[in-house]
Amino acid sequence: MTFFTQRKVAIAGAVIAAAIFIAANAHLITVAVTSQPDCTLSARGAAAKPSC
C-alpha cells in the first residue's frame, strides 16, 4: 500500500468515525428533546406519574 493510498484510507476512516459520532449525538439530543420530562424518577425511585 502506497503512502497516498494509506493516507486516503486513514482520512476516510476518520471522516466516517466523525460522522458516526455526530449522528449518535444528534440522536441523543433528539430523544432528549422529544422525551416526556414528567416521566423521570422521583426521590422514591418510582415513576413521577402512574401513566409512565
N, C-alpha and C. Protein backbone atom coordinates (compact mmCIF):
# COMPACT_ATOMS: atom_id res chain seq x y z
N MET A 1 0.85 -1.16 0.00
CA MET A 1 0.00 0.00 0.00
C MET A 1 0.90 1.24 0.00
N THR A 2 0.65 2.12 -0.92
CA THR A 2 1.48 3.32 -1.02
C THR A 2 1.10 4.33 0.07
N PHE A 3 1.95 5.32 0.23
CA PHE A 3 1.71 6.34 1.24
C PHE A 3 0.41 7.09 0.97
N PHE A 4 0.15 7.43 -0.28
CA PHE A 4 -1.05 8.20 -0.61
C PHE A 4 -2.32 7.38 -0.43
N THR A 5 -2.26 6.10 -0.78
CA THR A 5 -3.41 5.23 -0.57
C THR A 5 -3.69 5.06 0.92
N GLN A 6 -2.64 4.86 1.68
CA GLN A 6 -2.78 4.71 3.12
C GLN A 6 -3.34 5.99 3.74
N ARG A 7 -2.90 7.12 3.23
CA ARG A 7 -3.38 8.41 3.73
C ARG A 7 -4.87 8.59 3.41
N LYS A 8 -5.30 8.22 2.20
CA LYS A 8 -6.70 8.33 1.82
C LYS A 8 -7.58 7.43 2.69
N VAL A 9 -7.10 6.23 2.96
CA VAL A 9 -7.86 5.30 3.80
C VAL A 9 -7.97 5.84 5.23
N ALA A 10 -6.91 6.42 5.75
CA ALA A 10 -6.93 6.98 7.10
C ALA A 10 -7.88 8.17 7.18
N ILE A 11 -7.84 9.03 6.19
CA ILE A 11 -8.74 10.19 6.18
C ILE A 11 -10.19 9.74 6.05
N ALA A 12 -10.45 8.77 5.19
CA ALA A 12 -11.81 8.25 5.03
C ALA A 12 -12.31 7.63 6.33
N GLY A 13 -11.45 6.90 7.02
CA GLY A 13 -11.83 6.30 8.29
C GLY A 13 -12.14 7.35 9.34
N ALA A 14 -11.34 8.41 9.38
CA ALA A 14 -11.58 9.49 10.34
C ALA A 14 -12.88 10.22 10.04
N VAL A 15 -13.18 10.43 8.76
CA VAL A 15 -14.43 11.09 8.39
C VAL A 15 -15.62 10.22 8.75
N ILE A 16 -15.53 8.92 8.51
CA ILE A 16 -16.62 8.01 8.85
C ILE A 16 -16.83 7.96 10.36
N ALA A 17 -15.75 7.90 11.12
CA ALA A 17 -15.86 7.88 12.59
C ALA A 17 -16.49 9.17 13.10
N ALA A 18 -16.10 10.31 12.55
CA ALA A 18 -16.68 11.58 12.96
C ALA A 18 -18.16 11.65 12.60
N ALA A 19 -18.53 11.14 11.44
CA ALA A 19 -19.94 11.14 11.03
C ALA A 19 -20.78 10.28 11.96
N ILE A 20 -20.27 9.13 12.36
CA ILE A 20 -20.99 8.26 13.29
C ILE A 20 -21.14 8.95 14.64
N PHE A 21 -20.09 9.59 15.11
CA PHE A 21 -20.12 10.30 16.38
C PHE A 21 -21.15 11.42 16.35
N ILE A 22 -21.18 12.20 15.28
CA ILE A 22 -22.13 13.31 15.15
C ILE A 22 -23.56 12.78 15.05
N ALA A 23 -23.77 11.71 14.30
CA ALA A 23 -25.11 11.14 14.16
C ALA A 23 -25.62 10.59 15.49
N ALA A 24 -24.76 9.95 16.26
CA ALA A 24 -25.17 9.41 17.55
C ALA A 24 -25.54 10.54 18.51
N ASN A 25 -24.75 11.60 18.52
CA ASN A 25 -25.07 12.72 19.40
C ASN A 25 -26.35 13.43 18.95
N ALA A 26 -26.57 13.54 17.67
CA ALA A 26 -27.81 14.14 17.17
C ALA A 26 -29.01 13.30 17.60
N HIS A 27 -28.86 12.00 17.57
CA HIS A 27 -29.94 11.12 18.01
C HIS A 27 -30.22 11.30 19.49
N LEU A 28 -29.18 11.39 20.31
CA LEU A 28 -29.36 11.59 21.74
C LEU A 28 -30.05 12.92 22.03
N ILE A 29 -29.68 13.95 21.31
CA ILE A 29 -30.31 15.26 21.51
C ILE A 29 -31.78 15.20 21.09
N THR A 30 -32.08 14.53 19.99
CA THR A 30 -33.46 14.39 19.53
C THR A 30 -34.30 13.64 20.55
N VAL A 31 -33.77 12.55 21.07
CA VAL A 31 -34.51 11.77 22.06
C VAL A 31 -34.71 12.58 23.34
N ALA A 32 -33.70 13.33 23.76
CA ALA A 32 -33.82 14.13 24.97
C ALA A 32 -34.86 15.24 24.82
N VAL A 33 -34.94 15.84 23.65
CA VAL A 33 -35.88 16.93 23.44
C VAL A 33 -37.30 16.41 23.30
N THR A 34 -37.49 15.28 22.68
CA THR A 34 -38.84 14.76 22.43
C THR A 34 -39.34 13.83 23.51
N SER A 35 -38.54 13.54 24.53
CA SER A 35 -38.98 12.63 25.57
C SER A 35 -39.98 13.32 26.49
N GLN A 36 -40.56 12.55 27.39
CA GLN A 36 -41.52 13.08 28.34
C GLN A 36 -40.78 13.46 29.62
N PRO A 37 -40.53 14.73 29.86
CA PRO A 37 -39.76 15.12 31.03
C PRO A 37 -40.48 14.85 32.35
N ASP A 38 -41.81 14.72 32.31
CA ASP A 38 -42.54 14.43 33.54
C ASP A 38 -42.38 12.98 33.98
N CYS A 39 -41.87 12.15 33.12
CA CYS A 39 -41.74 10.73 33.42
C CYS A 39 -40.32 10.39 33.89
N THR A 40 -39.79 11.17 34.79
CA THR A 40 -38.48 10.90 35.35
C THR A 40 -38.63 10.25 36.71
N LEU A 41 -37.57 9.66 37.20
CA LEU A 41 -37.62 9.03 38.51
C LEU A 41 -37.69 10.07 39.60
N SER A 42 -38.49 9.80 40.60
CA SER A 42 -38.58 10.69 41.73
C SER A 42 -37.58 10.24 42.80
N ALA A 43 -37.57 10.94 43.92
CA ALA A 43 -36.65 10.60 45.01
C ALA A 43 -36.96 9.21 45.58
N ARG A 44 -38.19 8.77 45.46
CA ARG A 44 -38.58 7.45 45.96
C ARG A 44 -38.19 6.33 45.01
N GLY A 45 -37.77 6.65 43.81
CA GLY A 45 -37.36 5.65 42.86
C GLY A 45 -38.47 5.15 41.97
N ALA A 46 -39.68 5.69 42.15
CA ALA A 46 -40.80 5.29 41.31
C ALA A 46 -41.02 6.36 40.24
N ALA A 47 -41.81 6.03 39.25
CA ALA A 47 -42.11 6.99 38.20
C ALA A 47 -42.89 8.16 38.78
N ALA A 48 -42.68 9.34 38.24
CA ALA A 48 -43.34 10.53 38.75
C ALA A 48 -44.86 10.48 38.55
N LYS A 49 -45.28 9.87 37.47
CA LYS A 49 -46.71 9.73 37.18
C LYS A 49 -47.03 8.24 37.01
N PRO A 50 -48.20 7.82 37.43
CA PRO A 50 -48.55 6.40 37.26
C PRO A 50 -48.65 5.99 35.80
N SER A 51 -48.93 6.92 34.89
CA SER A 51 -49.08 6.56 33.48
C SER A 51 -47.74 6.31 32.79
N CYS A 52 -46.64 6.57 33.47
CA CYS A 52 -45.32 6.39 32.86
C CYS A 52 -44.92 4.97 33.00
